[in-house]
């Protein structure tokens, strides 16, 4: 499996750039995708959603699958 810095992680990070959690969903991490999407949606109402949005991008880019 590909690890950090692979093309799959770059694509996942780009997906998360547009929709928080989409990159995690692409990587097969359904629970983390739901958590990040819901947190970002809720926190955008108090103008703090950008924190979760950035976390989602960085998390997708740094993900290393367990062997």
Protein backbone atom coordinates (compact mmCIF):
# COMPACT_ATOMS: atom_id res chain seq x y z
CA UNK A 1 0.00 0.00 0.00
CA UNK A 2 1.06 3.55 -0.61
CA UNK A 3 2.06 5.71 2.33
CA UNK A 4 2.47 9.35 3.17
CA UNK A 5 3.35 11.52 0.18
CA UNK A 6 1.86 9.07 -2.32
CA UNK A 7 -0.38 10.15 -5.14
CA UNK A 8 -3.40 8.73 -3.29
CA UNK A 9 -2.74 10.95 -0.29
CA UNK A 10 -2.30 14.00 -2.51
CA UNK A 11 -5.62 13.27 -4.20
CA UNK A 12 -7.28 12.73 -0.81
CA UNK A 13 -5.89 16.04 0.48
CA UNK A 14 -7.22 17.82 -2.60
CA UNK A 15 -10.64 16.27 -2.09
CA UNK A 16 -10.63 17.38 1.55
CA UNK A 17 -9.69 20.88 0.40
CA UNK A 18 -13.04 21.15 -1.34
CA UNK A 19 -15.19 19.16 1.10
CA UNK A 20 -13.92 18.32 4.61
CA UNK A 21 -13.94 14.56 5.12
CA UNK A 22 -14.08 13.65 1.43
CA UNK A 23 -10.41 12.69 1.39
CA UNK A 24 -10.89 10.40 4.38
CA UNK A 25 -13.86 8.82 2.63
CA UNK A 26 -11.68 8.26 -0.44
CA UNK A 27 -9.14 6.51 1.82
CA UNK A 28 -11.86 4.24 3.20
CA UNK A 29 -12.07 5.86 6.65
CA UNK A 30 -15.83 6.33 6.92
CA UNK A 31 -16.03 7.23 10.62
CA UNK A 32 -13.31 9.90 10.38
CA UNK A 33 -14.95 11.29 7.24
CA UNK A 34 -18.29 11.66 9.01
CA UNK A 35 -16.70 13.23 12.10
CA UNK A 36 -14.78 15.82 10.10
CA UNK A 37 -17.68 16.67 7.80
CA UNK A 38 -20.15 17.11 10.67
CA UNK A 39 -17.70 19.10 12.83
CA UNK A 40 -16.83 21.41 9.94
CA UNK A 41 -20.51 21.94 9.10
CA UNK A 42 -21.44 22.71 12.71
CA UNK A 43 -18.47 24.97 13.38
CA UNK A 44 -18.91 27.02 10.19
CA UNK A 45 -21.92 28.58 11.90
CA UNK A 46 -19.61 30.15 14.49
CA UNK A 47 -16.88 30.90 11.94
CA UNK A 48 -14.52 28.22 13.29
CA UNK A 49 -15.11 25.58 10.62
CA UNK A 50 -11.88 26.51 8.87
CA UNK A 51 -9.96 24.83 11.71
CA UNK A 52 -11.63 21.47 11.02
CA UNK A 53 -11.27 22.09 7.29
CA UNK A 54 -7.49 22.48 7.65
CA UNK A 55 -7.32 19.47 9.97
CA UNK A 56 -9.14 17.40 7.34
CA UNK A 57 -6.67 18.37 4.60
CA UNK A 58 -3.59 17.70 6.74
CA UNK A 59 -5.00 14.42 8.08
CA UNK A 60 -5.68 13.12 4.55
CA UNK A 61 -2.21 14.12 3.36
CA UNK A 62 -0.38 12.51 6.31
CA UNK A 63 -2.41 9.27 6.51
CA UNK A 64 -0.35 6.07 6.58
CA UNK A 65 -2.34 2.85 6.28
CA UNK A 66 -1.61 0.12 8.82
CA UNK A 67 0.01 -2.99 7.40
